Structure formats: C-alpha cells, structure tokens
Amino acid sequence: MPNVTVRPVHFEDFSGQEFERLVFGYHLWADWSDLAWYGQTGSDMGRDIIGIEPIDETSGRRTVIQCANRDDLPVAKAKRDMKGAANAPTGVPEAFKFVCRGAVSARRRDAIAKAAKALKIGHVTIWSGAEFEEHLRLRAEFLLRRFVDGVPFPDDGAGLQAFFSTFADIGDAEVLAQMAMPFERPAFWTPFHAESNLGAFRQAIEDTIGALSTGIWRSRDGELIRRIPSIRDIRDTGTRKAFEGIVRSLDNMRQLFKRRMQDGSIEHCQCGDPNCPTFILHGDVGTELDHARTAILDRVRAVIPNFHIRVE
C-alpha cells in the first residue's frame, strides 16, 4: 500500500458561509440538537449557530457557536461576539464556542475565557483550525472530503438536517445489525502472523472507522459498497456512547500499527515496490495487535446482540 501524506486543509480558500456550513454540518453529525444556523440569514448578533451541546447521557447545555474564518481571533472581536449573543433575544448562553481558521495562543484563550466569565457565560471552548480539522478527520471525514473536493451538499440548515436523517425510520436493532457488517472481513479474524497483506489490514481498519462514523462503507479500492447507518443513527444514548468508544479503540489500533511501523517492529518489504503486500513482524508485535483487535471485538459483542465473527 503506497504511503499517503495527509496535508493540512486550507480553510482560507473558502468563503465565510462555506466555513459556517462545514461547522454546522459537523455539529449535526456530532449529535447536537435544536441547531439553528443564524449566520446564513445575516445579522446573527454574534450567534452564527446555536444549539444544545450534549454533555452526558441525560443532559446538555445551550451553546452559541461563532465561526471565525480568519487568520486570528482578536480578543476584542471575541468580546463583541459574546456580548452580542448575551444581549440577543435568545439570552445569555450557558456556553460559547469559537471555531477558528487560524491558531489561537494560550494567552488569548485565557483573555477570552476571562471576558466570558464577566458576561456570566459559564464555559468557553476554542478550536483552532488544526483542532477543528482533527475532529473532522476522526468523526466526520466525509464532510471534510466534500468540502475540500467541492462535492456539493445542502446549503441550508434544513437541507443538512434531512441529509443526515437517512435512517431515521428504522429501530436500533436494525441499525446495529447493519453496523456489524463492516466487521465481517478477514482483517478482523486473520491472526497477524498469518496475515498476507498488512497494508490491506490497515486500510480495512480505516474503512471501518469511516463506515461507523459516517455510514459510507467503501471497499479497499475506495468504491462505495453501500450506505449503512452510522453512530448518530443509534437512538439509545448508552449504546451510541459505547459505539463511539469502539471507534476510538479502532483509531487507537490504527495508531498502534503506525507506531510499530515507525519503530521497526513492523517492517515493509525491501523490494522497493510501495504496493508490495509483504511485511515482516518482529518480536511480539503480532500478539500485541491480536490482543488489541480481540478487545475491540469483545466490545462489539457487548453492544450488538447475536454478533458472531468467523475465527480461523
């Protein structure tokens, strides 16, 4: 499998509305509720987006999101935005979130948090462009790909809501049955010492993370196999949180594989062909990866009734 370099996203190439649309779409996907996109109508009074941010299984807080598609976030602008939101008809929000294009220093974050406290805003979150991109890649990479590749998706909040509601009419039992399907592949049952193509294993893990997070299930070659429900289609909060943990565990295993490639425990064939499927395992790295994968499958079995996977 050829090495792929992941380059930073150039948010500066896109308009303010396009950036807001991406932020709105991400928070829909992240299971925020009662989202309203004020920024698309103009005169937002410091409230590009407002919604209920999930805190735990039973509670949330009303949060204003302000999108700063600019190189920096001056303290004066942040103060104006928070003051405008506090004086808006929706009242003082419980929390405020800035999603920025550029970097934000620790000193500036502290100053903005102090200003929020003076306005009786209880909590402030600030994402730099790099932090926003990291969250997108982990939870909603399909949105990022559409954004970067220019693939259109709905321009308005109602259209985005409908875009994410494909499986609204089926129950959790069917949702979970379909979400089990990406695990039915050799990458999840072949012992690592017998794996003939570790590059394909790595791709299978990435594809599974994508399928569970976005509902877009692709083959190794990138072809769409089918749309399936995703984490956000699970209605039961506890089950949804459990599946979010499974996705994090898959990502941890992906990172473990990457670290073992870097430290030489997994060594690519020296033939010079970047597509050569042959890898050499050193030490007990095969056992380490087997244990990590077994732990993930145990978590899946705990969530999906009657989940069975082939073992060879």
C-alpha atoms as a PDB file:
ATOM      1  CA  MET A   1       0.000   0.000   0.000  1.00  0.00           C
ATOM      2  CA  PRO A   2       1.601   3.333  -1.008  1.00  0.00           C
ATOM      3  CA  ASN A   3       2.323   5.889   1.680  1.00  0.00           C
ATOM      4  CA  VAL A   4      -0.178   8.773   1.715  1.00  0.00           C
ATOM      5  CA  THR A   5       0.697  12.206   3.063  1.00  0.00           C
ATOM      6  CA  VAL A   6      -2.205  13.952   4.782  1.00  0.00           C
ATOM      7  CA  ARG A   7      -1.838  17.670   4.167  1.00  0.00           C
ATOM      8  CA  PRO A   8      -3.496  20.427   6.214  1.00  0.00           C
ATOM      9  CA  VAL A   9      -6.786  21.775   4.939  1.00  0.00           C
ATOM     10  CA  HIS A  10      -6.616  25.335   3.601  1.00  0.00           C
ATOM     11  CA  PHE A  11      -9.764  26.773   5.133  1.00  0.00           C
ATOM     12  CA  GLU A  12      -8.716  30.196   3.845  1.00  0.00           C
ATOM     13  CA  ASP A  13      -9.621  29.112   0.310  1.00  0.00           C
ATOM     14  CA  PHE A  14     -13.324  29.072   1.178  1.00  0.00           C
ATOM     15  CA  SER A  15     -15.913  31.702   1.920  1.00  0.00           C
ATOM     16  CA  GLY A  16     -17.276  32.504   5.355  1.00  0.00           C
ATOM     17  CA  GLN A  17     -20.590  30.842   4.510  1.00  0.00           C
ATOM     18  CA  GLU A  18     -18.873  27.689   3.276  1.00  0.00           C
ATOM     19  CA  PHE A  19     -16.896  27.525   6.511  1.00  0.00           C
ATOM     20  CA  GLU A  20     -20.073  28.026   8.574  1.00  0.00           C
ATOM     21  CA  ARG A  21     -21.812  25.296   6.601  1.00  0.00           C
ATOM     22  CA  LEU A  22     -18.994  22.855   7.400  1.00  0.00           C
ATOM     23  CA  VAL A  23     -19.113  23.799  11.099  1.00  0.00           C
ATOM     24  CA  PHE A  24     -22.904  23.397  11.139  1.00  0.00           C
ATOM     25  CA  GLY A  25     -22.678  20.031   9.381  1.00  0.00           C
ATOM     26  CA  TYR A  26     -20.041  18.773  11.815  1.00  0.00           C
ATOM     27  CA  HIS A  27     -22.115  19.639  14.870  1.00  0.00           C
ATOM     28  CA  LEU A  28     -25.175  17.977  13.355  1.00  0.00           C
ATOM     29  CA  TRP A  29     -23.064  14.862  12.907  1.00  0.00           C
ATOM     30  CA  ALA A  30     -21.730  15.206  16.465  1.00  0.00           C
ATOM     31  CA  ASP A  31     -25.300  14.827  17.736  1.00  0.00           C
ATOM     32  CA  TRP A  32     -26.007  18.380  18.862  1.00  0.00           C
ATOM     33  CA  SER A  33     -29.747  19.038  19.000  1.00  0.00           C
ATOM     34  CA  ASP A  34     -32.038  22.009  18.259  1.00  0.00           C
ATOM     35  CA  LEU A  35     -29.384  23.505  15.984  1.00  0.00           C
ATOM     36  CA  ALA A  36     -30.226  26.807  14.294  1.00  0.00           C
ATOM     37  CA  TRP A  37     -27.969  28.441  11.719  1.00  0.00           C
ATOM     38  CA  TYR A  38     -28.375  32.182  12.255  1.00  0.00           C
ATOM     39  CA  GLY A  39     -25.326  33.101  10.205  1.00  0.00           C
ATOM     40  CA  GLN A  40     -26.909  32.112   6.899  1.00  0.00           C
ATOM     41  CA  THR A  41     -29.615  34.765   7.353  1.00  0.00           C
ATOM     42  CA  GLY A  42     -27.294  37.670   8.236  1.00  0.00           C
ATOM     43  CA  SER A  43     -27.421  39.897  11.339  1.00  0.00           C
ATOM     44  CA  ASP A  44     -26.548  36.976  13.597  1.00  0.00           C
ATOM     45  CA  MET A  45     -25.774  39.147  16.683  1.00  0.00           C
ATOM     46  CA  GLY A  46     -22.708  37.067  17.491  1.00  0.00           C
ATOM     47  CA  ARG A  47     -24.608  33.802  17.022  1.00  0.00           C
ATOM     48  CA  ASP A  48     -23.601  32.033  13.812  1.00  0.00           C
ATOM     49  CA  ILE A  49     -25.046  28.789  15.192  1.00  0.00           C
ATOM     50  CA  ILE A  50     -26.906  27.971  18.403  1.00  0.00           C
ATOM     51  CA  GLY A  51     -27.871  24.553  19.737  1.00  0.00           C
ATOM     52  CA  ILE A  52     -27.827  22.087  22.605  1.00  0.00           C
ATOM     53  CA  GLU A  53     -24.387  20.576  23.204  1.00  0.00           C
ATOM     54  CA  PRO A  54     -24.572  17.029  24.640  1.00  0.00           C
ATOM     55  CA  ILE A  55     -22.789  16.803  27.991  1.00  0.00           C
ATOM     56  CA  ASP A  56     -23.660  13.291  29.114  1.00  0.00           C
ATOM     57  CA  GLU A  57     -26.349  10.695  28.523  1.00  0.00           C
ATOM     58  CA  THR A  58     -29.135  12.787  30.027  1.00  0.00           C
ATOM     59  CA  SER A  59     -28.152  16.456  29.806  1.00  0.00           C
ATOM     60  CA  GLY A  60     -26.888  19.190  27.521  1.00  0.00           C
ATOM     61  CA  ARG A  61     -26.202  22.927  27.553  1.00  0.00           C
ATOM     62  CA  ARG A  62     -27.331  25.716  25.262  1.00  0.00           C
ATOM     63  CA  THR A  63     -24.262  26.826  23.372  1.00  0.00           C
ATOM     64  CA  VAL A  64     -23.558  29.547  20.839  1.00  0.00           C
ATOM     65  CA  ILE A  65     -21.025  28.731  18.111  1.00  0.00           C
ATOM     66  CA  GLN A  66     -19.205  31.564  16.380  1.00  0.00           C
ATOM     67  CA  CYS A  67     -17.212  30.741  13.235  1.00  0.00           C
ATOM     68  CA  ALA A  68     -14.017  32.766  12.760  1.00  0.00           C
ATOM     69  CA  ASN A  69     -12.821  32.057   9.227  1.00  0.00           C
ATOM     70  CA  ARG A  70      -9.867  34.416   9.585  1.00  0.00           C
ATOM     71  CA  ASP A  71      -6.162  34.210  10.390  1.00  0.00           C
ATOM     72  CA  ASP A  72      -6.584  35.147  14.049  1.00  0.00           C
ATOM     73  CA  LEU A  73      -9.191  35.660  16.755  1.00  0.00           C
ATOM     74  CA  PRO A  74      -8.654  39.082  18.364  1.00  0.00           C
ATOM     75  CA  VAL A  75      -9.825  39.356  21.945  1.00  0.00           C
ATOM     76  CA  ALA A  76     -11.830  42.477  21.060  1.00  0.00           C
ATOM     77  CA  LYS A  77     -13.793  40.597  18.377  1.00  0.00           C
ATOM     78  CA  ALA A  78     -14.420  37.657  20.716  1.00  0.00           C
ATOM     79  CA  LYS A  79     -15.730  40.067  23.364  1.00  0.00           C
ATOM     80  CA  ARG A  80     -18.056  41.748  20.834  1.00  0.00           C
ATOM     81  CA  ASP A  81     -19.404  38.390  19.656  1.00  0.00           C
ATOM     82  CA  MET A  82     -20.054  37.143  23.190  1.00  0.00           C
ATOM     83  CA  LYS A  83     -21.608  40.444  24.275  1.00  0.00           C
ATOM     84  CA  GLY A  84     -23.838  40.474  21.184  1.00  0.00           C
ATOM     85  CA  ALA A  85     -25.006  36.930  21.889  1.00  0.00           C
ATOM     86  CA  ALA A  86     -25.620  37.721  25.564  1.00  0.00           C
ATOM     87  CA  ASN A  87     -27.798  40.704  24.575  1.00  0.00           C
ATOM     88  CA  ALA A  88     -29.691  38.841  21.836  1.00  0.00           C
ATOM     89  CA  PRO A  89     -33.317  37.734  22.305  1.00  0.00           C
ATOM     90  CA  THR A  90     -32.111  34.178  22.984  1.00  0.00           C
ATOM     91  CA  GLY A  91     -30.469  35.430  26.190  1.00  0.00           C
ATOM     92  CA  VAL A  92     -27.119  34.700  27.813  1.00  0.00           C
ATOM     93  CA  PRO A  93     -25.954  31.271  26.599  1.00  0.00           C
ATOM     94  CA  GLU A  94     -24.683  28.648  29.007  1.00  0.00           C
ATOM     95  CA  ALA A  95     -21.596  28.179  26.850  1.00  0.00           C
ATOM     96  CA  PHE A  96     -19.827  29.752  23.893  1.00  0.00           C
ATOM     97  CA  LYS A  97     -17.683  28.045  21.270  1.00  0.00           C
ATOM     98  CA  PHE A  98     -15.336  29.599  18.728  1.00  0.00           C
ATOM     99  CA  VAL A  99     -14.328  27.509  15.703  1.00  0.00           C
ATOM    100  CA  CYS A 100     -11.412  29.283  14.065  1.00  0.00           C
ATOM    101  CA  ARG A 101      -9.408  29.030  10.872  1.00  0.00           C
ATOM    102  CA  GLY A 102      -6.102  30.058  12.420  1.00  0.00           C
ATOM    103  CA  ALA A 103      -4.183  29.323  15.602  1.00  0.00           C
ATOM    104  CA  VAL A 104      -5.136  30.818  18.972  1.00  0.00           C
ATOM    105  CA  SER A 105      -2.469  31.347  21.630  1.00  0.00           C
ATOM    106  CA  ALA A 106      -2.860  30.238  25.242  1.00  0.00           C
ATOM    107  CA  ARG A 107      -2.703  33.867  26.420  1.00  0.00           C
ATOM    108  CA  ARG A 108      -5.523  34.852  24.064  1.00  0.00           C
ATOM    109  CA  ARG A 109      -7.616  31.864  25.143  1.00  0.00           C
ATOM    110  CA  ASP A 110      -7.216  32.927  28.773  1.00  0.00           C
ATOM    111  CA  ALA A 111      -8.252  36.502  27.964  1.00  0.00           C
ATOM    112  CA  ILE A 112     -11.354  35.321  26.105  1.00  0.00           C
ATOM    113  CA  ALA A 113     -12.305  32.985  28.957  1.00  0.00           C
ATOM    114  CA  LYS A 114     -11.971  35.895  31.407  1.00  0.00           C
ATOM    115  CA  ALA A 115     -14.227  38.051  29.219  1.00  0.00           C
ATOM    116  CA  ALA A 116     -16.808  35.266  29.072  1.00  0.00           C
ATOM    117  CA  LYS A 117     -16.840  34.975  32.847  1.00  0.00           C
ATOM    118  CA  ALA A 118     -17.542  38.701  33.145  1.00  0.00           C
ATOM    119  CA  LEU A 119     -20.588  38.197  30.884  1.00  0.00           C
ATOM    120  CA  LYS A 120     -21.740  35.263  33.076  1.00  0.00           C
ATOM    121  CA  ILE A 121     -21.095  32.745  30.282  1.00  0.00           C
ATOM    122  CA  GLY A 122     -20.161  29.614  32.157  1.00  0.00           C
ATOM    123  CA  HIS A 123     -17.979  27.797  29.655  1.00  0.00           C
ATOM    124  CA  VAL A 124     -15.884  28.713  26.602  1.00  0.00           C
ATOM    125  CA  THR A 125     -14.392  26.319  24.031  1.00  0.00           C
ATOM    126  CA  ILE A 126     -11.956  27.485  21.345  1.00  0.00           C
ATOM    127  CA  TRP A 127     -10.939  25.278  18.433  1.00  0.00           C
ATOM    128  CA  SER A 128      -8.100  26.372  16.193  1.00  0.00           C
ATOM    129  CA  GLY A 129      -8.205  25.346  12.543  1.00  0.00           C
ATOM    130  CA  ALA A 130      -5.884  22.416  13.281  1.00  0.00           C
ATOM    131  CA  GLU A 131      -8.104  21.248  16.153  1.00  0.00           C
ATOM    132  CA  PHE A 132     -11.247  21.526  14.024  1.00  0.00           C
ATOM    133  CA  GLU A 133      -9.587  19.521  11.247  1.00  0.00           C
ATOM    134  CA  GLU A 134      -8.558  16.839  13.761  1.00  0.00           C
ATOM    135  CA  HIS A 135     -12.151  16.466  14.969  1.00  0.00           C
ATOM    136  CA  LEU A 136     -13.410  16.326  11.380  1.00  0.00           C
ATOM    137  CA  ARG A 137     -10.938  13.625  10.388  1.00  0.00           C
ATOM    138  CA  LEU A 138     -11.839  11.471  13.385  1.00  0.00           C
ATOM    139  CA  ARG A 139     -15.627  11.836  13.349  1.00  0.00           C
ATOM    140  CA  ALA A 140     -16.810  13.234  10.003  1.00  0.00           C
ATOM    141  CA  GLU A 141     -14.126  12.889   7.356  1.00  0.00           C
ATOM    142  CA  PHE A 142     -16.725  12.518   4.614  1.00  0.00           C
ATOM    143  CA  LEU A 143     -17.790  16.128   5.294  1.00  0.00           C
ATOM    144  CA  LEU A 144     -14.190  17.258   5.032  1.00  0.00           C
ATOM    145  CA  ARG A 145     -13.749  15.411   1.736  1.00  0.00           C
ATOM    146  CA  ARG A 146     -16.863  17.003   0.302  1.00  0.00           C
ATOM    147  CA  PHE A 147     -15.676  20.396   1.480  1.00  0.00           C
ATOM    148  CA  VAL A 148     -12.175  20.048   0.022  1.00  0.00           C
ATOM    149  CA  ASP A 149     -13.171  18.254  -3.192  1.00  0.00           C
ATOM    150  CA  GLY A 150     -16.033  20.600  -3.959  1.00  0.00           C
ATOM    151  CA  VAL A 151     -18.706  17.887  -3.829  1.00  0.00           C
ATOM    152  CA  PRO A 152     -21.962  19.735  -3.147  1.00  0.00           C
ATOM    153  CA  PHE A 153     -24.083  19.132  -0.100  1.00  0.00           C
ATOM    154  CA  PRO A 154     -27.071  21.163   1.077  1.00  0.00           C
ATOM    155  CA  ASP A 155     -26.532  24.887   1.596  1.00  0.00           C
ATOM    156  CA  ASP A 156     -29.152  25.419   4.298  1.00  0.00           C
ATOM    157  CA  GLY A 157     -29.704  24.052   7.787  1.00  0.00           C
ATOM    158  CA  ALA A 158     -32.941  22.234   6.930  1.00  0.00           C
ATOM    159  CA  GLY A 159     -31.309  20.546   3.950  1.00  0.00           C
ATOM    160  CA  LEU A 160     -28.374  19.407   6.063  1.00  0.00           C
ATOM    161  CA  GLN A 161     -30.763  18.070   8.714  1.00  0.00           C
ATOM    162  CA  ALA A 162     -32.520  15.972   6.052  1.00  0.00           C
ATOM    163  CA  PHE A 163     -29.159  14.857   4.612  1.00  0.00           C
ATOM    164  CA  PHE A 164     -28.276  13.280   7.968  1.00  0.00           C
ATOM    165  CA  SER A 165     -31.655  11.580   8.545  1.00  0.00           C
ATOM    166  CA  THR A 166     -31.461   8.736   6.020  1.00  0.00           C
ATOM    167  CA  PHE A 167     -32.075   6.000   8.609  1.00  0.00           C
ATOM    168  CA  ALA A 168     -34.458   7.865  10.895  1.00  0.00           C
ATOM    169  CA  ASP A 169     -37.256   5.344  10.367  1.00  0.00           C
ATOM    170  CA  ILE A 170     -35.509   2.145  11.472  1.00  0.00           C
ATOM    171  CA  GLY A 171     -35.006   0.934  15.033  1.00  0.00           C
ATOM    172  CA  ASP A 172     -31.775   0.327  16.906  1.00  0.00           C
ATOM    173  CA  ALA A 173     -31.848  -3.452  16.352  1.00  0.00           C
ATOM    174  CA  GLU A 174     -31.702  -3.000  12.562  1.00  0.00           C
ATOM    175  CA  VAL A 175     -29.214  -0.122  12.867  1.00  0.00           C
ATOM    176  CA  LEU A 176     -26.842  -2.335  14.885  1.00  0.00           C
ATOM    177  CA  ALA A 177     -27.302  -5.306  12.555  1.00  0.00           C
ATOM    178  CA  GLN A 178     -26.182  -3.178   9.612  1.00  0.00           C
ATOM    179  CA  MET A 179     -23.333  -1.588  11.566  1.00  0.00           C
ATOM    180  CA  ALA A 180     -21.967  -5.069  12.291  1.00  0.00           C
ATOM    181  CA  MET A 181     -21.402  -5.758   8.589  1.00  0.00           C
ATOM    182  CA  PRO A 182     -18.068  -3.904   8.153  1.00  0.00           C
ATOM    183  CA  PHE A 183     -16.549  -6.239  10.765  1.00  0.00           C
ATOM    184  CA  GLU A 184     -17.256  -9.277   8.573  1.00  0.00           C
ATOM    185  CA  ARG A 185     -13.927  -9.145   6.766  1.00  0.00           C
ATOM    186  CA  PRO A 186     -10.661 -11.094   7.115  1.00  0.00           C
ATOM    187  CA  ALA A 187      -8.921  -8.138   8.777  1.00  0.00           C
ATOM    188  CA  PHE A 188     -10.956  -8.936  11.900  1.00  0.00           C
ATOM    189  CA  TRP A 189     -10.296 -12.662  12.097  1.00  0.00           C
ATOM    190  CA  THR A 190      -6.949 -13.489  10.440  1.00  0.00           C
ATOM    191  CA  PRO A 191      -4.121 -13.859  13.016  1.00  0.00           C
ATOM    192  CA  PHE A 192      -1.428 -11.285  12.323  1.00  0.00           C
ATOM    193  CA  HIS A 193       1.307 -13.863  11.909  1.00  0.00           C
ATOM    194  CA  ALA A 194      -0.794 -15.328   9.062  1.00  0.00           C
ATOM    195  CA  GLU A 195      -1.847 -12.006   7.505  1.00  0.00           C
ATOM    196  CA  SER A 196      -0.573 -11.858   3.930  1.00  0.00           C
ATOM    197  CA  ASN A 197      -1.219  -8.156   3.370  1.00  0.00           C
ATOM    198  CA  LEU A 198      -0.817  -5.860   6.364  1.00  0.00           C
ATOM    199  CA  GLY A 199      -1.274  -2.830   4.122  1.00  0.00           C
ATOM    200  CA  ALA A 200      -4.759  -4.115   3.324  1.00  0.00           C
ATOM    201  CA  PHE A 201      -5.352  -4.640   7.065  1.00  0.00           C
ATOM    202  CA  ARG A 202      -4.514  -1.006   7.762  1.00  0.00           C
ATOM    203  CA  GLN A 203      -6.861   0.123   5.003  1.00  0.00           C
ATOM    204  CA  ALA A 204      -9.628  -2.151   6.350  1.00  0.00           C
ATOM    205  CA  ILE A 205      -9.375  -0.528   9.782  1.00  0.00           C
ATOM    206  CA  GLU A 206      -9.556   2.947   8.243  1.00  0.00           C
ATOM    207  CA  ASP A 207     -12.545   1.905   6.101  1.00  0.00           C
ATOM    208  CA  THR A 208     -14.331   0.502   9.161  1.00  0.00           C
ATOM    209  CA  ILE A 209     -13.777   3.704  11.148  1.00  0.00           C
ATOM    210  CA  GLY A 210     -15.195   5.639   8.202  1.00  0.00           C
ATOM    211  CA  ALA A 211     -18.198   3.347   7.827  1.00  0.00           C
ATOM    212  CA  LEU A 212     -19.159   3.502  11.510  1.00  0.00           C
ATOM    213  CA  SER A 213     -18.585   7.254  11.758  1.00  0.00           C
ATOM    214  CA  THR A 214     -20.195   8.366   8.502  1.00  0.00           C
ATOM    215  CA  GLY A 215     -22.340   5.481   7.207  1.00  0.00           C
ATOM    216  CA  ILE A 216     -20.312   5.412   3.981  1.00  0.00           C
ATOM    217  CA  TRP A 217     -18.971   1.865   3.611  1.00  0.00           C
ATOM    218  CA  ARG A 218     -16.257   1.544   0.984  1.00  0.00           C
ATOM    219  CA  SER A 219     -14.213  -1.286  -0.464  1.00  0.00           C
ATOM    220  CA  ARG A 220     -10.422  -1.429  -0.254  1.00  0.00           C
ATOM    221  CA  ASP A 221     -10.273   0.335  -3.632  1.00  0.00           C
ATOM    222  CA  GLY A 222     -12.436   3.200  -2.413  1.00  0.00           C
ATOM    223  CA  GLU A 223     -15.600   2.091  -4.204  1.00  0.00           C
ATOM    224  CA  LEU A 224     -18.873   2.646  -2.359  1.00  0.00           C
ATOM    225  CA  ILE A 225     -20.253  -0.712  -1.176  1.00  0.00           C
ATOM    226  CA  ARG A 226     -23.421   0.748   0.296  1.00  0.00           C
ATOM    227  CA  ARG A 227     -24.765   3.305   2.749  1.00  0.00           C
ATOM    228  CA  ILE A 228     -25.312   1.927   6.234  1.00  0.00           C
ATOM    229  CA  PRO A 229     -26.455   3.579   9.476  1.00  0.00           C
ATOM    230  CA  SER A 230     -23.763   5.386  11.437  1.00  0.00           C
ATOM    231  CA  ILE A 231     -23.204   6.128  15.112  1.00  0.00           C
ATOM    232  CA  ARG A 232     -25.513   9.115  15.032  1.00  0.00           C
ATOM    233  CA  ASP A 233     -28.424   6.894  13.897  1.00  0.00           C
ATOM    234  CA  ILE A 234     -28.336   4.939  17.178  1.00  0.00           C
ATOM    235  CA  ARG A 235     -31.161   6.261  19.334  1.00  0.00           C
ATOM    236  CA  ASP A 236     -30.189   4.794  22.684  1.00  0.00           C
ATOM    237  CA  THR A 237     -27.661   7.154  24.254  1.00  0.00           C
ATOM    238  CA  GLY A 238     -25.743   4.459  26.126  1.00  0.00           C
ATOM    239  CA  THR A 239     -25.373   2.298  23.027  1.00  0.00           C
ATOM    240  CA  ARG A 240     -24.285   5.282  20.972  1.00  0.00           C
ATOM    241  CA  LYS A 241     -21.620   6.173  23.545  1.00  0.00           C
ATOM    242  CA  ALA A 242     -20.424   2.564  23.540  1.00  0.00           C
ATOM    243  CA  PHE A 243     -20.014   2.636  19.755  1.00  0.00           C
ATOM    244  CA  GLU A 244     -18.145   5.930  19.977  1.00  0.00           C
ATOM    245  CA  GLY A 245     -15.754   4.093  22.300  1.00  0.00           C
ATOM    246  CA  ILE A 246     -15.384   1.285  19.744  1.00  0.00           C
ATOM    247  CA  VAL A 247     -14.432   3.820  17.064  1.00  0.00           C
ATOM    248  CA  ARG A 248     -11.851   5.361  19.403  1.00  0.00           C
ATOM    249  CA  SER A 249     -10.437   1.878  20.047  1.00  0.00           C
ATOM    250  CA  LEU A 250     -10.194   1.238  16.308  1.00  0.00           C
ATOM    251  CA  ASP A 251      -8.358   4.533  15.913  1.00  0.00           C
ATOM    252  CA  ASN A 252      -6.034   3.591  18.781  1.00  0.00           C
ATOM    253  CA  MET A 253      -5.220   0.317  16.997  1.00  0.00           C
ATOM    254  CA  ARG A 254      -4.576   2.229  13.783  1.00  0.00           C
ATOM    255  CA  GLN A 255      -2.177   4.488  15.694  1.00  0.00           C
ATOM    256  CA  LEU A 256      -0.537   1.434  17.305  1.00  0.00           C
ATOM    257  CA  PHE A 257       0.082  -0.054  13.846  1.00  0.00           C
ATOM    258  CA  LYS A 258       1.596   3.275  12.734  1.00  0.00           C
ATOM    259  CA  ARG A 259       3.906   3.421  15.780  1.00  0.00           C
ATOM    260  CA  ARG A 260       5.112  -0.120  15.199  1.00  0.00           C
ATOM    261  CA  MET A 261       5.882   0.760  11.579  1.00  0.00           C
ATOM    262  CA  GLN A 262       7.874   3.754  12.796  1.00  0.00           C
ATOM    263  CA  ASP A 263       9.883   1.829  15.401  1.00  0.00           C
ATOM    264  CA  GLY A 264      10.634  -1.037  13.010  1.00  0.00           C
ATOM    265  CA  SER A 265       8.571  -3.724  14.751  1.00  0.00           C
ATOM    266  CA  ILE A 266       6.579  -3.933  11.519  1.00  0.00           C
ATOM    267  CA  GLU A 267       8.915  -3.694   8.549  1.00  0.00           C
ATOM    268  CA  HIS A 268       7.856  -3.261   4.960  1.00  0.00           C
ATOM    269  CA  CYS A 269       9.448  -5.486   2.338  1.00  0.00           C
ATOM    270  CA  GLN A 270      12.689  -4.004   0.950  1.00  0.00           C
ATOM    271  CA  CYS A 271      11.866  -4.826  -2.671  1.00  0.00           C
ATOM    272  CA  GLY A 272      11.245  -1.157  -3.421  1.00  0.00           C
ATOM    273  CA  ASP A 273       7.652  -1.629  -4.584  1.00  0.00           C
ATOM    274  CA  PRO A 274       5.425   0.594  -2.395  1.00  0.00           C
ATOM    275  CA  ASN A 275       2.438  -1.632  -3.295  1.00  0.00           C
ATOM    276  CA  CYS A 276       4.127  -4.859  -2.208  1.00  0.00           C
ATOM    277  CA  PRO A 277       1.872  -6.575   0.374  1.00  0.00           C
ATOM    278  CA  THR A 278       4.755  -8.257   2.212  1.00  0.00           C
ATOM    279  CA  PHE A 279       5.606  -7.084   5.732  1.00  0.00           C
ATOM    280  CA  ILE A 280       7.929  -8.578   8.337  1.00  0.00           C
ATOM    281  CA  LEU A 281       6.838  -8.751  12.008  1.00  0.00           C
ATOM    282  CA  HIS A 282       9.479  -8.545  14.737  1.00  0.00           C
ATOM    283  CA  GLY A 283       9.190  -9.569  18.378  1.00  0.00           C
ATOM    284  CA  ASP A 284       5.699  -9.955  19.823  1.00  0.00           C
ATOM    285  CA  VAL A 285       4.061  -7.222  17.751  1.00  0.00           C
ATOM    286  CA  GLY A 286       1.705  -9.771  16.153  1.00  0.00           C
ATOM    287  CA  THR A 287       0.440 -10.839  19.562  1.00  0.00           C
ATOM    288  CA  GLU A 288       0.124  -7.195  20.650  1.00  0.00           C
ATOM    289  CA  LEU A 289      -2.084  -6.381  17.648  1.00  0.00           C
ATOM    290  CA  ASP A 290      -4.091  -9.592  18.056  1.00  0.00           C
ATOM    291  CA  HIS A 291      -4.898  -8.632  21.657  1.00  0.00           C
ATOM    292  CA  ALA A 292      -5.906  -5.099  20.659  1.00  0.00           C
ATOM    293  CA  ARG A 293      -8.237  -6.435  17.978  1.00  0.00           C
ATOM    294  CA  THR A 294      -9.743  -9.069  20.294  1.00  0.00           C
ATOM    295  CA  ALA A 295     -10.534  -6.356  22.861  1.00  0.00           C
ATOM    296  CA  ILE A 296     -12.346  -4.355  20.177  1.00  0.00           C
ATOM    297  CA  LEU A 297     -14.413  -7.365  19.076  1.00  0.00           C
ATOM    298  CA  ASP A 298     -15.330  -8.063  22.699  1.00  0.00           C
ATOM    299  CA  ARG A 299     -16.684  -4.506  22.919  1.00  0.00           C
ATOM    300  CA  VAL A 300     -18.689  -5.032  19.732  1.00  0.00           C
ATOM    301  CA  ARG A 301     -20.154  -8.281  21.110  1.00  0.00           C
ATOM    302  CA  ALA A 302     -21.194  -6.432  24.257  1.00  0.00           C
ATOM    303  CA  VAL A 303     -23.191  -3.925  22.187  1.00  0.00           C
ATOM    304  CA  ILE A 304     -24.630  -5.915  19.262  1.00  0.00           C
ATOM    305  CA  PRO A 305     -26.946  -8.814  20.170  1.00  0.00           C
ATOM    306  CA  ASN A 306     -26.062 -12.119  18.470  1.00  0.00           C
ATOM    307  CA  PHE A 307     -22.878 -10.700  16.972  1.00  0.00           C
ATOM    308  CA  HIS A 308     -20.676 -13.522  15.709  1.00  0.00           C
ATOM    309  CA  ILE A 309     -17.481 -13.321  13.758  1.00  0.00           C
ATOM    310  CA  ARG A 310     -15.594 -16.037  11.994  1.00  0.00           C
ATOM    311  CA  VAL A 311     -12.361 -17.192  13.640  1.00  0.00           C
ATOM    312  CA  GLU A 312      -9.676 -19.184  11.824  1.00  0.00           C
END
